[in-house]
N, C-alpha and C. Protein backbone atom coordinates (compact mmCIF):
# COMPACT_ATOMS: atom_id res chain seq x y z
N TYR A 1 -3.92 1.10 -16.15
CA TYR A 1 -3.31 2.38 -15.84
C TYR A 1 -4.41 3.35 -15.50
N PHE A 2 -4.45 3.79 -14.25
CA PHE A 2 -5.42 4.78 -13.79
C PHE A 2 -4.65 6.07 -13.52
N HIS A 3 -4.96 7.13 -14.27
CA HIS A 3 -4.18 8.36 -14.10
C HIS A 3 -5.03 9.60 -14.37
N ASP A 4 -4.54 10.70 -13.84
CA ASP A 4 -5.15 12.01 -14.05
C ASP A 4 -6.65 12.00 -13.79
N ILE A 5 -7.03 11.48 -12.62
CA ILE A 5 -8.43 11.44 -12.22
C ILE A 5 -8.65 12.48 -11.14
N ASP A 6 -9.68 13.29 -11.30
CA ASP A 6 -10.01 14.30 -10.31
C ASP A 6 -11.52 14.29 -10.14
N GLY A 7 -11.99 13.98 -8.93
CA GLY A 7 -13.43 13.92 -8.74
C GLY A 7 -13.79 13.39 -7.37
N SER A 8 -14.93 12.73 -7.30
CA SER A 8 -15.37 12.14 -6.04
C SER A 8 -15.70 10.68 -6.29
N GLY A 9 -15.80 9.90 -5.20
CA GLY A 9 -16.09 8.48 -5.31
C GLY A 9 -14.82 7.67 -5.22
N GLN A 10 -14.90 6.40 -5.59
CA GLN A 10 -13.74 5.51 -5.57
C GLN A 10 -13.29 5.25 -7.00
N VAL A 11 -12.03 4.87 -7.13
CA VAL A 11 -11.53 4.44 -8.42
C VAL A 11 -11.94 2.99 -8.65
N ILE A 12 -11.84 2.17 -7.59
CA ILE A 12 -12.26 0.77 -7.68
C ILE A 12 -13.13 0.44 -6.48
N GLN A 13 -14.30 -0.13 -6.74
CA GLN A 13 -15.13 -0.66 -5.67
C GLN A 13 -15.51 -2.08 -6.06
N SER A 14 -15.25 -3.01 -5.13
CA SER A 14 -15.51 -4.41 -5.42
C SER A 14 -16.46 -5.00 -4.39
N VAL A 15 -17.45 -5.72 -4.87
CA VAL A 15 -18.36 -6.45 -3.99
C VAL A 15 -18.35 -7.94 -4.36
N SER A 16 -17.43 -8.33 -5.21
CA SER A 16 -17.36 -9.73 -5.64
C SER A 16 -16.64 -10.57 -4.58
N LYS A 17 -16.52 -11.86 -4.84
CA LYS A 17 -15.82 -12.74 -3.91
C LYS A 17 -14.32 -12.45 -3.87
N PHE A 18 -13.72 -12.13 -5.02
CA PHE A 18 -12.29 -11.91 -5.10
C PHE A 18 -12.00 -10.62 -5.87
N LEU A 19 -10.99 -9.88 -5.39
CA LEU A 19 -10.47 -8.72 -6.11
C LEU A 19 -8.97 -8.92 -6.23
N ASN A 20 -8.47 -8.92 -7.47
CA ASN A 20 -7.04 -9.08 -7.73
C ASN A 20 -6.59 -7.91 -8.59
N ILE A 21 -5.71 -7.08 -8.03
CA ILE A 21 -5.11 -5.96 -8.75
C ILE A 21 -3.64 -6.30 -8.90
N ASN A 22 -3.17 -6.43 -10.15
CA ASN A 22 -1.81 -6.86 -10.40
C ASN A 22 -1.21 -6.03 -11.53
N ASN A 23 0.01 -5.54 -11.30
CA ASN A 23 0.75 -4.78 -12.31
C ASN A 23 -0.02 -3.55 -12.80
N CYS A 24 -0.56 -2.78 -11.88
CA CYS A 24 -1.30 -1.57 -12.23
C CYS A 24 -0.55 -0.33 -11.77
N ILE A 25 -0.84 0.78 -12.44
CA ILE A 25 -0.29 2.07 -12.06
C ILE A 25 -1.46 3.00 -11.75
N PHE A 26 -1.43 3.59 -10.56
CA PHE A 26 -2.41 4.59 -10.14
C PHE A 26 -1.60 5.87 -9.91
N LYS A 27 -1.84 6.90 -10.72
CA LYS A 27 -0.98 8.08 -10.67
C LYS A 27 -1.79 9.35 -10.91
N ASN A 28 -1.43 10.41 -10.19
CA ASN A 28 -2.06 11.73 -10.33
C ASN A 28 -3.57 11.65 -10.13
N ILE A 29 -3.96 11.25 -8.93
CA ILE A 29 -5.38 11.07 -8.63
C ILE A 29 -5.77 11.97 -7.47
N GLY A 30 -6.87 12.68 -7.61
CA GLY A 30 -7.42 13.50 -6.54
C GLY A 30 -8.87 13.15 -6.34
N LEU A 31 -9.22 12.65 -5.15
CA LEU A 31 -10.60 12.28 -4.84
C LEU A 31 -11.07 13.08 -3.63
N ASN A 32 -12.18 13.77 -3.79
CA ASN A 32 -12.74 14.58 -2.72
C ASN A 32 -14.15 14.12 -2.41
N ASN A 33 -14.64 14.51 -1.24
CA ASN A 33 -16.02 14.24 -0.84
C ASN A 33 -16.39 12.76 -0.88
N VAL A 34 -15.47 11.93 -0.42
CA VAL A 34 -15.73 10.50 -0.35
C VAL A 34 -16.19 10.20 1.08
N SER A 35 -17.29 9.47 1.23
CA SER A 35 -17.84 9.26 2.57
C SER A 35 -17.46 7.91 3.15
N GLY A 36 -17.66 7.77 4.48
CA GLY A 36 -17.42 6.50 5.16
C GLY A 36 -15.96 6.10 5.11
N ASN A 37 -15.68 4.80 5.09
CA ASN A 37 -14.31 4.30 4.99
C ASN A 37 -13.87 4.14 3.55
N GLN A 38 -14.65 4.63 2.63
CA GLN A 38 -14.34 4.46 1.22
C GLN A 38 -13.17 5.35 0.84
N GLY A 39 -12.39 4.90 -0.12
CA GLY A 39 -11.25 5.67 -0.56
C GLY A 39 -10.90 5.32 -1.98
N LEU A 40 -9.63 5.33 -2.31
CA LEU A 40 -9.18 5.00 -3.65
C LEU A 40 -9.69 3.62 -4.06
N ILE A 41 -9.48 2.64 -3.19
CA ILE A 41 -9.96 1.28 -3.42
C ILE A 41 -10.81 0.88 -2.22
N ASN A 42 -12.04 0.51 -2.47
CA ASN A 42 -12.95 0.08 -1.42
C ASN A 42 -13.41 -1.33 -1.76
N SER A 43 -12.87 -2.30 -1.04
CA SER A 43 -13.17 -3.68 -1.36
C SER A 43 -13.97 -4.33 -0.23
N SER A 44 -15.11 -4.86 -0.58
CA SER A 44 -15.84 -5.70 0.37
C SER A 44 -15.76 -7.16 -0.10
N ALA A 45 -14.81 -7.42 -1.00
CA ALA A 45 -14.57 -8.79 -1.47
C ALA A 45 -14.07 -9.64 -0.31
N GLU A 46 -14.34 -10.93 -0.36
CA GLU A 46 -13.88 -11.82 0.70
C GLU A 46 -12.36 -11.91 0.74
N ASN A 47 -11.71 -11.81 -0.39
CA ASN A 47 -10.26 -11.85 -0.47
C ASN A 47 -9.81 -10.81 -1.48
N THR A 48 -8.85 -9.99 -1.09
CA THR A 48 -8.29 -8.98 -1.97
C THR A 48 -6.79 -9.18 -2.05
N VAL A 49 -6.26 -9.20 -3.27
CA VAL A 49 -4.82 -9.27 -3.49
C VAL A 49 -4.43 -8.09 -4.36
N ILE A 50 -3.51 -7.28 -3.85
CA ILE A 50 -2.97 -6.16 -4.62
C ILE A 50 -1.47 -6.37 -4.67
N GLU A 51 -0.94 -6.51 -5.91
CA GLU A 51 0.48 -6.84 -6.03
C GLU A 51 1.13 -6.18 -7.24
N ASN A 52 2.43 -5.94 -7.08
CA ASN A 52 3.26 -5.38 -8.15
C ASN A 52 2.65 -4.13 -8.77
N SER A 53 2.12 -3.24 -7.94
CA SER A 53 1.47 -2.04 -8.45
C SER A 53 2.08 -0.78 -7.84
N LEU A 54 1.95 0.30 -8.58
CA LEU A 54 2.49 1.60 -8.19
C LEU A 54 1.34 2.55 -7.88
N PHE A 55 1.44 3.24 -6.76
CA PHE A 55 0.49 4.28 -6.36
C PHE A 55 1.30 5.54 -6.12
N HIS A 56 1.08 6.58 -6.94
CA HIS A 56 1.96 7.75 -6.89
C HIS A 56 1.18 9.06 -7.09
N ASN A 57 1.50 10.04 -6.26
CA ASN A 57 0.98 11.39 -6.39
C ASN A 57 -0.55 11.45 -6.31
N MET A 58 -1.05 11.35 -5.08
CA MET A 58 -2.50 11.34 -4.87
C MET A 58 -2.89 12.29 -3.75
N ILE A 59 -4.08 12.86 -3.89
CA ILE A 59 -4.71 13.64 -2.83
C ILE A 59 -6.06 13.00 -2.58
N LEU A 60 -6.25 12.48 -1.35
CA LEU A 60 -7.46 11.73 -1.03
C LEU A 60 -8.13 12.34 0.19
N SER A 61 -9.46 12.44 0.15
CA SER A 61 -10.18 12.96 1.31
C SER A 61 -10.59 11.85 2.26
N ASN A 62 -10.33 10.60 1.90
CA ASN A 62 -10.63 9.49 2.80
C ASN A 62 -9.58 8.40 2.63
N SER A 63 -9.84 7.23 3.14
CA SER A 63 -8.85 6.16 3.19
C SER A 63 -8.24 5.85 1.82
N PHE A 64 -6.99 5.43 1.86
CA PHE A 64 -6.28 5.00 0.66
C PHE A 64 -6.89 3.68 0.17
N ILE A 65 -6.87 2.66 1.04
CA ILE A 65 -7.47 1.37 0.70
C ILE A 65 -8.25 0.86 1.90
N SER A 66 -9.49 0.46 1.66
CA SER A 66 -10.33 -0.15 2.68
C SER A 66 -10.56 -1.61 2.27
N PHE A 67 -10.13 -2.53 3.14
CA PHE A 67 -10.19 -3.96 2.83
C PHE A 67 -11.42 -4.61 3.44
N GLY A 68 -11.94 -5.62 2.74
CA GLY A 68 -13.10 -6.37 3.18
C GLY A 68 -12.73 -7.52 4.10
N PRO A 69 -13.67 -8.41 4.33
CA PRO A 69 -13.46 -9.50 5.30
C PRO A 69 -12.46 -10.54 4.79
N ASN A 70 -12.02 -11.36 5.72
CA ASN A 70 -11.15 -12.51 5.48
C ASN A 70 -9.71 -12.12 5.18
N GLU A 71 -9.09 -12.77 4.21
CA GLU A 71 -7.65 -12.63 3.95
C GLU A 71 -7.39 -11.61 2.85
N ASN A 72 -6.49 -10.66 3.14
CA ASN A 72 -6.13 -9.63 2.18
C ASN A 72 -4.61 -9.52 2.12
N ILE A 73 -4.09 -9.39 0.90
CA ILE A 73 -2.64 -9.35 0.70
C ILE A 73 -2.27 -8.11 -0.10
N PHE A 74 -1.27 -7.39 0.37
CA PHE A 74 -0.72 -6.21 -0.30
C PHE A 74 0.78 -6.47 -0.41
N ILE A 75 1.24 -6.90 -1.61
CA ILE A 75 2.61 -7.40 -1.75
C ILE A 75 3.31 -6.79 -2.95
N ASN A 76 4.59 -6.45 -2.75
CA ASN A 76 5.43 -5.86 -3.80
C ASN A 76 4.79 -4.65 -4.46
N ASN A 77 4.38 -3.70 -3.65
CA ASN A 77 3.81 -2.45 -4.15
C ASN A 77 4.67 -1.28 -3.72
N THR A 78 4.60 -0.20 -4.50
CA THR A 78 5.25 1.05 -4.14
C THR A 78 4.17 2.11 -3.99
N VAL A 79 4.16 2.76 -2.82
CA VAL A 79 3.20 3.83 -2.51
C VAL A 79 4.03 5.06 -2.17
N TYR A 80 3.89 6.13 -2.98
CA TYR A 80 4.75 7.30 -2.81
C TYR A 80 3.97 8.58 -3.07
N GLU A 81 4.20 9.57 -2.22
CA GLU A 81 3.57 10.90 -2.31
C GLU A 81 2.05 10.81 -2.29
N ILE A 82 1.54 10.43 -1.14
CA ILE A 82 0.09 10.35 -0.94
C ILE A 82 -0.28 11.35 0.15
N ASN A 83 -1.22 12.24 -0.16
CA ASN A 83 -1.74 13.21 0.80
C ASN A 83 -3.17 12.81 1.14
N ILE A 84 -3.41 12.55 2.43
CA ILE A 84 -4.72 12.08 2.88
C ILE A 84 -5.21 13.03 3.97
N SER A 85 -6.51 13.33 3.96
CA SER A 85 -7.06 14.24 4.97
C SER A 85 -6.85 13.68 6.37
N GLU A 86 -6.85 14.57 7.36
CA GLU A 86 -6.54 14.19 8.74
C GLU A 86 -7.45 13.11 9.30
N SER A 87 -8.69 13.06 8.89
CA SER A 87 -9.63 12.09 9.48
C SER A 87 -9.57 10.72 8.82
N ALA A 88 -8.74 10.56 7.82
CA ALA A 88 -8.69 9.30 7.05
C ALA A 88 -7.53 8.41 7.48
N LYS A 89 -7.51 7.22 6.96
CA LYS A 89 -6.45 6.24 7.24
C LYS A 89 -5.81 5.79 5.93
N LEU A 90 -4.58 5.32 6.04
CA LEU A 90 -3.91 4.78 4.86
C LEU A 90 -4.47 3.40 4.53
N PHE A 91 -4.43 2.49 5.49
CA PHE A 91 -4.98 1.14 5.33
C PHE A 91 -6.08 0.95 6.36
N SER A 92 -7.24 0.52 5.90
CA SER A 92 -8.38 0.35 6.80
C SER A 92 -8.95 -1.05 6.65
N ILE A 93 -9.08 -1.75 7.77
CA ILE A 93 -9.80 -3.03 7.76
C ILE A 93 -10.99 -2.85 8.69
N GLY A 94 -12.17 -2.89 8.09
CA GLY A 94 -13.36 -2.51 8.82
C GLY A 94 -14.31 -3.62 9.17
N SER A 95 -13.90 -4.85 9.03
CA SER A 95 -14.77 -5.98 9.37
C SER A 95 -14.12 -6.82 10.44
N SER A 96 -14.91 -7.34 11.34
CA SER A 96 -14.40 -8.20 12.39
C SER A 96 -13.73 -9.42 11.79
N GLY A 97 -12.55 -9.75 12.27
CA GLY A 97 -11.84 -10.93 11.80
C GLY A 97 -11.08 -10.75 10.51
N THR A 98 -10.97 -9.52 10.00
CA THR A 98 -10.24 -9.27 8.76
C THR A 98 -8.74 -9.33 9.01
N ASP A 99 -8.02 -9.97 8.09
CA ASP A 99 -6.55 -10.02 8.15
C ASP A 99 -5.98 -9.32 6.93
N LEU A 100 -4.91 -8.55 7.16
CA LEU A 100 -4.19 -7.89 6.08
C LEU A 100 -2.71 -8.18 6.26
N GLN A 101 -2.09 -8.69 5.19
CA GLN A 101 -0.64 -8.90 5.18
C GLN A 101 -0.03 -7.93 4.18
N ILE A 102 0.84 -7.06 4.66
CA ILE A 102 1.60 -6.15 3.81
C ILE A 102 3.02 -6.70 3.77
N SER A 103 3.52 -6.97 2.56
CA SER A 103 4.82 -7.62 2.44
C SER A 103 5.61 -7.06 1.26
N SER A 104 6.91 -6.92 1.45
CA SER A 104 7.84 -6.53 0.38
C SER A 104 7.39 -5.27 -0.34
N SER A 105 6.87 -4.31 0.40
CA SER A 105 6.35 -3.08 -0.20
C SER A 105 7.10 -1.86 0.32
N ILE A 106 7.02 -0.78 -0.42
CA ILE A 106 7.60 0.50 -0.02
C ILE A 106 6.45 1.49 0.16
N ILE A 107 6.35 2.06 1.36
CA ILE A 107 5.33 3.04 1.69
C ILE A 107 6.10 4.27 2.14
N TYR A 108 6.19 5.29 1.28
CA TYR A 108 7.12 6.39 1.57
C TYR A 108 6.56 7.74 1.13
N ASN A 109 6.89 8.75 1.90
CA ASN A 109 6.48 10.13 1.66
C ASN A 109 4.95 10.28 1.69
N ILE A 110 4.39 9.83 2.80
CA ILE A 110 2.95 9.90 3.02
C ILE A 110 2.68 11.08 3.94
N ASN A 111 1.78 11.97 3.55
CA ASN A 111 1.45 13.13 4.37
C ASN A 111 0.29 12.77 5.30
N LEU A 112 0.63 12.10 6.41
CA LEU A 112 -0.38 11.60 7.33
C LEU A 112 0.29 11.33 8.67
N SER A 113 -0.40 11.57 9.75
CA SER A 113 0.13 11.28 11.08
C SER A 113 0.41 9.78 11.19
N PRO A 114 1.52 9.39 11.84
CA PRO A 114 1.81 7.95 12.01
C PRO A 114 0.66 7.19 12.69
N ASN A 115 -0.11 7.85 13.52
CA ASN A 115 -1.25 7.19 14.18
C ASN A 115 -2.39 6.89 13.22
N ASP A 116 -2.35 7.47 12.03
CA ASP A 116 -3.44 7.31 11.07
C ASP A 116 -3.08 6.41 9.89
N TYR A 117 -1.99 5.68 9.97
CA TYR A 117 -1.64 4.77 8.89
C TYR A 117 -2.58 3.56 8.85
N PHE A 118 -3.06 3.13 10.01
CA PHE A 118 -3.86 1.90 10.08
C PHE A 118 -5.14 2.13 10.88
N TYR A 119 -6.24 1.55 10.39
CA TYR A 119 -7.48 1.48 11.16
C TYR A 119 -7.84 0.00 11.23
N ILE A 120 -7.91 -0.50 12.46
CA ILE A 120 -8.22 -1.92 12.67
C ILE A 120 -9.50 -2.00 13.47
N TYR A 121 -10.52 -2.62 12.88
CA TYR A 121 -11.80 -2.76 13.55
C TYR A 121 -11.89 -4.11 14.25
N ASN A 122 -12.37 -4.08 15.48
CA ASN A 122 -12.68 -5.28 16.25
C ASN A 122 -11.51 -6.27 16.19
N ASN A 123 -11.70 -7.48 15.86
CA ASN A 123 -10.66 -8.50 15.94
C ASN A 123 -9.83 -8.61 14.67
N GLY A 124 -9.61 -7.50 13.98
CA GLY A 124 -8.80 -7.53 12.78
C GLY A 124 -7.32 -7.65 13.11
N ASN A 125 -6.52 -7.99 12.10
CA ASN A 125 -5.09 -8.20 12.29
C ASN A 125 -4.33 -7.68 11.08
N ILE A 126 -3.26 -6.94 11.33
CA ILE A 126 -2.38 -6.49 10.25
C ILE A 126 -0.97 -6.95 10.55
N ASP A 127 -0.34 -7.61 9.56
CA ASP A 127 1.06 -7.99 9.63
C ASP A 127 1.82 -7.22 8.56
N VAL A 128 2.97 -6.67 8.93
CA VAL A 128 3.82 -5.97 7.97
C VAL A 128 5.18 -6.65 8.00
N TRP A 129 5.55 -7.24 6.85
CA TRP A 129 6.77 -8.02 6.75
C TRP A 129 7.66 -7.49 5.61
N TYR A 130 8.93 -7.35 5.91
CA TYR A 130 9.95 -7.03 4.91
C TYR A 130 9.54 -5.87 4.02
N SER A 131 9.13 -4.77 4.65
CA SER A 131 8.70 -3.58 3.92
C SER A 131 9.43 -2.36 4.44
N ASP A 132 9.45 -1.32 3.63
CA ASP A 132 10.09 -0.05 3.98
C ASP A 132 9.00 0.99 4.18
N PHE A 133 8.78 1.38 5.43
CA PHE A 133 7.81 2.41 5.77
C PHE A 133 8.55 3.68 6.18
N ASP A 134 7.95 4.83 5.95
CA ASP A 134 8.57 6.09 6.33
C ASP A 134 8.27 6.48 7.78
N ILE A 135 7.72 5.56 8.57
CA ILE A 135 7.46 5.78 9.99
C ILE A 135 7.95 4.57 10.78
N ASP A 136 8.11 4.76 12.08
CA ASP A 136 8.28 3.60 12.95
C ASP A 136 6.90 3.00 13.11
N LEU A 137 6.74 1.75 12.76
CA LEU A 137 5.43 1.11 12.77
C LEU A 137 4.91 0.97 14.20
N PRO A 138 3.59 1.13 14.37
CA PRO A 138 3.01 1.13 15.72
C PRO A 138 2.93 -0.26 16.34
N MET A 139 2.85 -0.26 17.65
CA MET A 139 2.63 -1.51 18.38
C MET A 139 1.25 -2.05 17.99
N GLY A 140 1.05 -3.33 18.15
CA GLY A 140 -0.22 -3.94 17.79
C GLY A 140 -0.26 -4.43 16.36
N ILE A 141 0.82 -4.17 15.63
CA ILE A 141 0.96 -4.63 14.25
C ILE A 141 2.01 -5.74 14.28
N GLY A 142 1.73 -6.88 13.61
CA GLY A 142 2.73 -7.95 13.52
C GLY A 142 3.86 -7.51 12.61
N LEU A 143 5.09 -7.47 13.13
CA LEU A 143 6.22 -6.91 12.39
C LEU A 143 7.32 -7.95 12.20
N LEU A 144 7.94 -7.93 11.02
CA LEU A 144 9.05 -8.84 10.76
C LEU A 144 9.90 -8.29 9.61
N GLY A 145 11.17 -8.01 9.85
CA GLY A 145 12.13 -7.67 8.80
C GLY A 145 11.92 -6.34 8.11
N ASN A 146 11.26 -5.38 8.78
CA ASN A 146 10.98 -4.09 8.15
C ASN A 146 12.14 -3.11 8.34
N ILE A 147 12.19 -2.12 7.47
CA ILE A 147 13.16 -1.03 7.59
C ILE A 147 12.43 0.30 7.52
N ASN A 148 13.11 1.34 7.95
CA ASN A 148 12.60 2.71 7.90
C ASN A 148 13.73 3.56 7.33
N GLU A 149 13.95 3.44 6.02
CA GLU A 149 15.06 4.13 5.36
C GLU A 149 14.60 4.69 4.02
N ASP A 150 15.29 5.73 3.56
CA ASP A 150 15.03 6.28 2.24
C ASP A 150 15.24 5.17 1.21
N PRO A 151 14.21 4.85 0.40
CA PRO A 151 14.37 3.74 -0.57
C PRO A 151 15.30 4.06 -1.73
N MET A 152 15.70 5.31 -1.86
CA MET A 152 16.61 5.74 -2.92
C MET A 152 16.04 5.45 -4.32
N PHE A 153 14.92 6.10 -4.61
CA PHE A 153 14.35 6.00 -5.96
C PHE A 153 15.27 6.67 -6.95
N ALA A 154 15.25 6.20 -8.20
CA ALA A 154 16.15 6.71 -9.23
C ALA A 154 15.93 8.20 -9.51
N ASP A 155 14.68 8.62 -9.76
CA ASP A 155 14.39 10.03 -10.07
C ASP A 155 12.93 10.33 -9.70
N PRO A 156 12.63 10.40 -8.40
CA PRO A 156 11.23 10.56 -7.99
C PRO A 156 10.59 11.86 -8.47
N GLU A 157 11.37 12.92 -8.63
CA GLU A 157 10.80 14.19 -9.10
C GLU A 157 10.19 14.06 -10.49
N ASN A 158 10.71 13.13 -11.28
CA ASN A 158 10.20 12.92 -12.63
C ASN A 158 9.44 11.60 -12.76
N GLY A 159 9.04 11.01 -11.62
CA GLY A 159 8.18 9.83 -11.64
C GLY A 159 8.88 8.49 -11.80
N ASP A 160 10.23 8.47 -11.78
CA ASP A 160 10.96 7.21 -11.90
C ASP A 160 11.17 6.65 -10.49
N LEU A 161 10.34 5.67 -10.11
CA LEU A 161 10.41 5.10 -8.77
C LEU A 161 11.09 3.73 -8.75
N THR A 162 11.92 3.47 -9.76
CA THR A 162 12.76 2.28 -9.70
C THR A 162 13.85 2.54 -8.66
N LEU A 163 14.43 1.49 -8.14
CA LEU A 163 15.45 1.63 -7.11
C LEU A 163 16.82 1.85 -7.74
N GLN A 164 17.55 2.84 -7.22
CA GLN A 164 18.91 3.04 -7.72
C GLN A 164 19.88 2.15 -6.96
N TRP A 165 21.04 1.90 -7.56
CA TRP A 165 22.05 1.04 -6.96
C TRP A 165 22.36 1.54 -5.55
N GLY A 166 22.44 0.62 -4.60
CA GLY A 166 22.73 0.97 -3.21
C GLY A 166 21.50 1.16 -2.35
N SER A 167 20.32 1.04 -2.95
CA SER A 167 19.07 1.18 -2.19
C SER A 167 18.99 0.10 -1.12
N PRO A 168 18.56 0.47 0.10
CA PRO A 168 18.40 -0.55 1.15
C PRO A 168 17.23 -1.50 0.87
N ALA A 169 16.39 -1.19 -0.13
CA ALA A 169 15.25 -2.03 -0.47
C ALA A 169 15.61 -3.14 -1.47
N ILE A 170 16.81 -3.07 -2.05
CA ILE A 170 17.26 -4.10 -2.99
C ILE A 170 17.63 -5.36 -2.20
N ASP A 171 17.14 -6.51 -2.66
CA ASP A 171 17.40 -7.81 -2.03
C ASP A 171 16.96 -7.84 -0.57
N ALA A 172 15.94 -7.05 -0.21
CA ALA A 172 15.49 -6.96 1.18
C ALA A 172 14.02 -7.36 1.35
N GLY A 173 13.39 -7.85 0.28
CA GLY A 173 12.00 -8.30 0.38
C GLY A 173 11.89 -9.62 1.12
N ASP A 174 10.70 -10.16 1.16
CA ASP A 174 10.44 -11.41 1.88
C ASP A 174 11.34 -12.52 1.33
N PRO A 175 12.19 -13.13 2.16
CA PRO A 175 13.08 -14.18 1.67
C PRO A 175 12.35 -15.44 1.21
N ASN A 176 11.08 -15.56 1.56
CA ASN A 176 10.28 -16.71 1.12
C ASN A 176 9.57 -16.45 -0.21
N SER A 177 9.71 -15.23 -0.75
CA SER A 177 9.12 -14.90 -2.04
C SER A 177 9.97 -15.51 -3.16
N PRO A 178 9.40 -15.66 -4.36
CA PRO A 178 10.21 -16.11 -5.49
C PRO A 178 11.38 -15.14 -5.72
N LEU A 179 12.49 -15.65 -6.23
CA LEU A 179 13.65 -14.83 -6.51
C LEU A 179 13.35 -13.85 -7.64
N ASP A 180 14.08 -12.73 -7.65
CA ASP A 180 14.00 -11.80 -8.77
C ASP A 180 14.58 -12.47 -10.02
N SER A 181 14.35 -11.87 -11.17
CA SER A 181 14.79 -12.49 -12.42
C SER A 181 16.31 -12.60 -12.52
N ASP A 182 17.05 -11.85 -11.70
CA ASP A 182 18.51 -11.99 -11.71
C ASP A 182 19.00 -13.07 -10.74
N GLY A 183 18.04 -13.81 -10.14
CA GLY A 183 18.40 -14.91 -9.26
C GLY A 183 18.69 -14.51 -7.82
N THR A 184 18.48 -13.24 -7.48
CA THR A 184 18.73 -12.79 -6.12
C THR A 184 17.41 -12.68 -5.34
N ARG A 185 17.54 -12.47 -4.04
CA ARG A 185 16.37 -12.30 -3.16
C ARG A 185 15.48 -11.17 -3.70
N ALA A 186 14.19 -11.30 -3.50
CA ALA A 186 13.23 -10.31 -3.98
C ALA A 186 13.52 -8.93 -3.39
N ASP A 187 13.29 -7.89 -4.20
CA ASP A 187 13.39 -6.52 -3.72
C ASP A 187 12.09 -6.11 -3.07
N MET A 188 12.14 -5.03 -2.31
CA MET A 188 10.92 -4.38 -1.84
C MET A 188 10.40 -3.48 -2.96
N GLY A 189 9.10 -3.32 -3.01
CA GLY A 189 8.52 -2.40 -3.98
C GLY A 189 8.02 -3.08 -5.24
N ALA A 190 7.47 -2.27 -6.14
CA ALA A 190 6.82 -2.78 -7.34
C ALA A 190 7.77 -3.07 -8.48
N PHE A 191 8.96 -2.50 -8.43
CA PHE A 191 9.86 -2.63 -9.57
C PHE A 191 11.08 -3.44 -9.22
N PHE A 192 11.53 -4.25 -10.18
CA PHE A 192 12.80 -4.96 -10.03
C PHE A 192 13.82 -4.22 -10.85
């Protein structure tokens, strides 16, 4: 649980072979004066997996997440109320040949131009599958099964980002993912 952080630098910086962030909460974070493509998470790991995590209420002066070389996965995450400076990107892949797969995630209420959601360097590739984004996703991104609808969080004003009954994100995650504990298709986002 990373919360109530105000300062400069990154919250996580990885230079190891693998970075795995699973079932984490990042909340109420303000980072200023961060240089380069560095942001909340700056990974130069060969493979990064971020899953089942919540990112909520942040003010960032640079990128949200900068991914390292090779294969990177961002799956079943909820990203809500993120304010990023105009010159920054939400997702950044800065190495030639880097791949990023975003799947079964909710990316909503981001204060950033739609043109600044992604930074792709050289021969990088981003695929977005079965996710709910608050923008129409740009061309040049591999797209499959995405929606652009209000995810209908239970009580976002008070930090409850579980999905309320009738949410378009329920049973709308990647159909190839493991089933939810109730035996139905996976939901989008970090919470079942």
